[in-house]
């Protein structure tokens, strides 16, 4: 971690006996400022893994209230937490293999998995993907999300986004600011580039309405 992060940790030890409400609010404010969104669009997590869990649980709750089924659709291979959380809740997980030639998303079969399901589908998409280190073409992914029906949700895990050098890449945060889809959630973490994995800090960015549904599950 950076020297400034180490110093901030040391400076906080004297208030370690207090709950971090003020510090939490300050961090949300800073994340919102850096990403160009409002504070009402940011939800903190105990690592981004908690944000993944909260989104899965939020949509499961919505499906139950609406009297619908719920499933999580994931590329294979990818980071496994969305799959694990869904299975722990007794929900279905559909795994769609990546295209063998280039490890890209198989859009047709991902969409087919949702089209054949009568209920709410959550697509968990790690971009850049872990463990393949590949990114999905911006125009393909953006068009897919933009044209999705109301019962399809997209969770973009961008834990490794700071490492991307390809100028064609466009962050999902920008799509949220463009109001591309009300069903889009982007998660990020301080664990990778900032080297703060043990500090367990992650966050989700979404519309204010979606964030309001996620937030009670992260506190």
Protein backbone atom coordinates (compact mmCIF):
# COMPACT_ATOMS: atom_id res chain seq x y z
CA UNK A 1 0.00 0.00 0.00
CA UNK A 2 1.07 3.60 -0.41
CA UNK A 3 2.84 5.55 2.33
CA UNK A 4 -0.13 7.90 2.59
CA UNK A 5 -2.49 4.94 3.16
CA UNK A 6 -0.19 3.56 5.88
CA UNK A 7 -0.13 6.95 7.57
CA UNK A 8 -3.91 7.28 7.40
CA UNK A 9 -4.25 3.91 9.14
CA UNK A 10 -1.84 4.95 11.87
CA UNK A 11 -3.64 8.27 12.32
CA UNK A 12 -6.94 6.44 12.81
CA UNK A 13 -5.82 4.18 15.65
CA UNK A 14 -6.77 6.65 18.36
CA UNK A 15 -10.42 6.56 17.25
CA UNK A 16 -10.48 2.80 16.74
CA UNK A 17 -12.87 2.38 19.67
CA UNK A 18 -15.60 4.28 17.83
CA UNK A 19 -17.91 3.13 15.06
CA UNK A 20 -16.70 4.64 11.75
CA UNK A 21 -19.88 6.46 10.71
CA UNK A 22 -18.15 9.78 10.03
CA UNK A 23 -15.26 8.14 8.19
CA UNK A 24 -17.70 6.04 6.18
CA UNK A 25 -19.58 9.16 5.08
CA UNK A 26 -16.31 10.88 4.16
CA UNK A 27 -15.20 7.90 2.06
CA UNK A 28 -18.53 7.75 0.23
CA UNK A 29 -18.21 11.45 -0.52
CA UNK A 30 -14.69 11.00 -1.90
CA UNK A 31 -15.65 7.97 -4.02
CA UNK A 32 -18.58 9.92 -5.46
CA UNK A 33 -16.30 12.86 -6.25
CA UNK A 34 -13.66 10.70 -7.97
CA UNK A 35 -16.25 8.87 -10.08
CA UNK A 36 -18.38 11.91 -10.91
CA UNK A 37 -21.57 10.52 -9.35
CA UNK A 38 -23.74 11.55 -6.42
CA UNK A 39 -23.32 10.15 -2.93
CA UNK A 40 -26.73 8.53 -3.29
CA UNK A 41 -25.25 6.32 -6.03
CA UNK A 42 -22.48 4.81 -3.87
CA UNK A 43 -22.79 1.81 -1.57
CA UNK A 44 -19.79 0.70 0.48
CA UNK A 45 -19.04 -2.95 1.07
CA UNK A 46 -16.84 -5.04 3.33
CA UNK A 47 -14.72 -5.67 0.28
CA UNK A 48 -16.46 -5.79 -3.09
CA UNK A 49 -17.43 -9.37 -2.25
CA UNK A 50 -20.06 -7.93 0.09
CA UNK A 51 -21.35 -5.75 -2.73
CA UNK A 52 -21.71 -8.86 -4.91
CA UNK A 53 -23.61 -10.64 -2.15
CA UNK A 54 -25.85 -7.63 -1.55
CA UNK A 55 -26.84 -7.40 -5.23
CA UNK A 56 -27.65 -11.12 -5.39
CA UNK A 57 -29.67 -10.89 -2.20
CA UNK A 58 -31.45 -7.71 -3.31
CA UNK A 59 -32.64 -9.34 -6.53
CA UNK A 60 -33.62 -12.53 -4.76
CA UNK A 61 -35.78 -10.44 -2.43
CA UNK A 62 -37.29 -8.57 -5.36
CA UNK A 63 -38.12 -11.84 -7.12
CA UNK A 64 -39.80 -13.22 -4.00
CA UNK A 65 -41.89 -10.06 -3.59
CA UNK A 66 -42.89 -10.15 -7.26
CA UNK A 67 -43.69 -13.86 -7.19
CA UNK A 68 -40.99 -14.64 -9.74
CA UNK A 69 -38.05 -17.00 -10.09
CA UNK A 70 -34.46 -15.74 -9.93
CA UNK A 71 -31.24 -16.98 -11.49
CA UNK A 72 -27.64 -15.84 -11.86
CA UNK A 73 -25.97 -16.24 -15.25
CA UNK A 74 -22.18 -16.28 -15.32
CA UNK A 75 -19.47 -16.79 -17.93
CA UNK A 76 -17.19 -19.74 -17.27
CA UNK A 77 -14.53 -19.40 -16.02
CA UNK A 78 -14.86 -16.22 -13.98
CA UNK A 79 -14.60 -14.99 -10.39
CA UNK A 80 -16.82 -17.32 -8.40
CA UNK A 81 -18.42 -15.19 -5.67
CA UNK A 82 -21.71 -14.40 -7.44
CA UNK A 83 -22.15 -18.10 -8.14
CA UNK A 84 -21.31 -19.08 -4.55
CA UNK A 85 -23.68 -16.54 -3.01
CA UNK A 86 -26.54 -17.56 -5.29
CA UNK A 87 -26.05 -21.24 -4.53
CA UNK A 88 -25.90 -20.54 -0.79
CA UNK A 89 -29.33 -18.93 -1.11
CA UNK A 90 -30.71 -21.91 -3.01
CA UNK A 91 -30.91 -20.07 -6.33
CA UNK A 92 -30.04 -21.40 -9.78
CA UNK A 93 -26.77 -20.60 -11.51
CA UNK A 94 -26.28 -21.01 -15.26
CA UNK A 95 -22.66 -21.18 -16.42
CA UNK A 96 -21.97 -20.27 -20.05
CA UNK A 97 -18.50 -21.17 -21.37
CA UNK A 98 -16.36 -18.40 -22.79
CA UNK A 99 -15.59 -18.55 -26.51
CA UNK A 100 -12.61 -20.91 -26.74
CA UNK A 101 -10.70 -18.99 -29.42
CA UNK A 102 -10.34 -15.70 -27.56
CA UNK A 103 -11.97 -16.11 -24.10
CA UNK A 104 -14.61 -13.55 -25.02
CA UNK A 105 -18.19 -13.57 -23.76
CA UNK A 106 -20.58 -15.79 -25.66
CA UNK A 107 -23.32 -13.17 -25.94
CA UNK A 108 -25.73 -15.42 -27.81
CA UNK A 109 -25.72 -18.19 -25.24
CA UNK A 110 -25.70 -15.80 -22.30
CA UNK A 111 -28.81 -14.16 -23.71
CA UNK A 112 -30.35 -17.53 -24.50
CA UNK A 113 -30.01 -18.57 -20.86
CA UNK A 114 -32.08 -15.57 -19.84
CA UNK A 115 -34.59 -15.80 -22.70
CA UNK A 116 -35.42 -19.37 -21.72
CA UNK A 117 -36.00 -18.43 -18.08
CA UNK A 118 -39.30 -17.05 -16.81
CA UNK A 119 -38.11 -14.68 -14.12
CA UNK A 120 -35.35 -12.27 -13.11
CA UNK A 121 -31.84 -12.93 -14.46
CA UNK A 122 -28.66 -11.37 -13.11
CA UNK A 123 -25.64 -11.43 -15.41
CA UNK A 124 -22.42 -11.30 -13.41
CA UNK A 125 -19.69 -10.04 -15.73
CA UNK A 126 -16.13 -9.58 -14.55
CA UNK A 127 -14.53 -7.09 -16.94
CA UNK A 128 -11.53 -7.38 -17.11
CA UNK A 129 -12.25 -11.03 -16.47
CA UNK A 130 -10.61 -12.99 -13.70
CA UNK A 131 -8.81 -15.36 -14.34
CA UNK A 132 -8.42 -14.85 -18.13
CA UNK A 133 -7.27 -11.19 -18.00
CA UNK A 134 -9.37 -10.44 -21.07
CA UNK A 135 -11.69 -7.49 -21.67
CA UNK A 136 -14.93 -7.41 -23.63
CA UNK A 137 -15.33 -5.00 -26.52
CA UNK A 138 -17.04 -1.85 -25.28
CA UNK A 139 -19.49 -1.47 -28.17
CA UNK A 140 -20.73 -5.07 -27.88
CA UNK A 141 -21.24 -4.99 -24.12
CA UNK A 142 -22.79 -1.54 -24.12
CA UNK A 143 -25.29 -2.39 -26.86
CA UNK A 144 -26.27 -5.61 -25.11
CA UNK A 145 -26.98 -3.87 -21.82
CA UNK A 146 -28.79 -1.01 -23.53
CA UNK A 147 -31.19 -3.36 -25.33
CA UNK A 148 -31.91 -5.71 -22.44
CA UNK A 149 -35.47 -6.19 -21.16
CA UNK A 150 -36.56 -4.97 -17.74
CA UNK A 151 -36.14 -8.33 -16.03
CA UNK A 152 -32.42 -8.58 -16.91
CA UNK A 153 -29.85 -7.09 -14.52
CA UNK A 154 -26.13 -6.61 -15.03
CA UNK A 155 -23.46 -6.65 -12.33
CA UNK A 156 -20.14 -5.47 -13.79
CA UNK A 157 -17.20 -6.37 -11.59
CA UNK A 158 -14.42 -3.96 -12.49
CA UNK A 159 -11.92 -4.86 -9.77
CA UNK A 160 -9.07 -4.71 -12.28
CA UNK A 161 -10.22 -1.73 -14.32
CA UNK A 162 -7.32 0.50 -13.21
CA UNK A 163 -4.89 -1.80 -15.00
CA UNK A 164 -6.45 -1.41 -18.45
CA UNK A 165 -4.36 0.35 -21.09
CA UNK A 166 -6.64 -0.31 -24.09
CA UNK A 167 -8.02 3.13 -25.08
CA UNK A 168 -11.23 1.58 -26.41
CA UNK A 169 -12.29 0.45 -22.94
CA UNK A 170 -15.14 2.43 -21.37
CA UNK A 171 -16.05 2.02 -17.73
CA UNK A 172 -19.52 0.94 -16.73
CA UNK A 173 -19.56 3.92 -14.38
CA UNK A 174 -19.75 6.14 -17.44
CA UNK A 175 -22.79 4.16 -18.63
CA UNK A 176 -24.48 4.70 -15.28
CA UNK A 177 -23.88 8.44 -15.59
CA UNK A 178 -25.35 8.26 -19.11
CA UNK A 179 -28.38 6.42 -17.62
CA UNK A 180 -27.82 3.58 -20.08
CA UNK A 181 -29.81 1.16 -17.92
CA UNK A 182 -31.49 1.32 -14.53
CA UNK A 183 -30.53 -2.35 -14.10
CA UNK A 184 -26.76 -1.81 -14.22
CA UNK A 185 -24.54 -2.01 -11.13
CA UNK A 186 -20.75 -1.57 -11.20
CA UNK A 187 -18.51 -2.75 -8.38
CA UNK A 188 -14.92 -1.83 -7.63
CA UNK A 189 -12.43 -2.50 -4.87
CA UNK A 190 -9.44 -1.05 -3.08
CA UNK A 191 -7.90 -4.53 -2.88
CA UNK A 192 -6.02 -4.57 -6.20
CA UNK A 193 -4.31 -1.40 -7.41
CA UNK A 194 -4.43 0.22 -3.95
CA UNK A 195 -3.09 -2.96 -2.27
CA UNK A 196 -5.58 -2.71 0.60
CA UNK A 197 -7.10 -6.20 0.49
CA UNK A 198 -6.91 -6.65 4.28
CA UNK A 199 -8.78 -3.38 4.86
CA UNK A 200 -11.89 -4.88 3.19
CA UNK A 201 -13.13 -1.86 1.27
CA UNK A 202 -15.19 -2.13 -1.87
CA UNK A 203 -18.07 -0.22 -3.37
CA UNK A 204 -20.95 -0.38 -5.80
CA UNK A 205 -22.17 2.39 -8.08
CA UNK A 206 -25.67 2.35 -9.53
CA UNK A 207 -28.71 4.56 -9.96
CA UNK A 208 -29.96 6.19 -6.73
CA UNK A 209 -33.01 3.92 -6.76
CA UNK A 210 -30.98 0.73 -7.13
CA UNK A 211 -28.43 1.88 -4.56
CA UNK A 212 -31.23 2.50 -2.08
CA UNK A 213 -32.27 -1.15 -2.49
CA UNK A 214 -28.72 -2.45 -2.09
CA UNK A 215 -27.61 -0.24 0.78
CA UNK A 216 -29.63 -1.86 3.63
CA UNK A 217 -27.92 -5.17 2.84
CA UNK A 218 -24.42 -3.69 3.30
CA UNK A 219 -24.88 -2.16 6.75
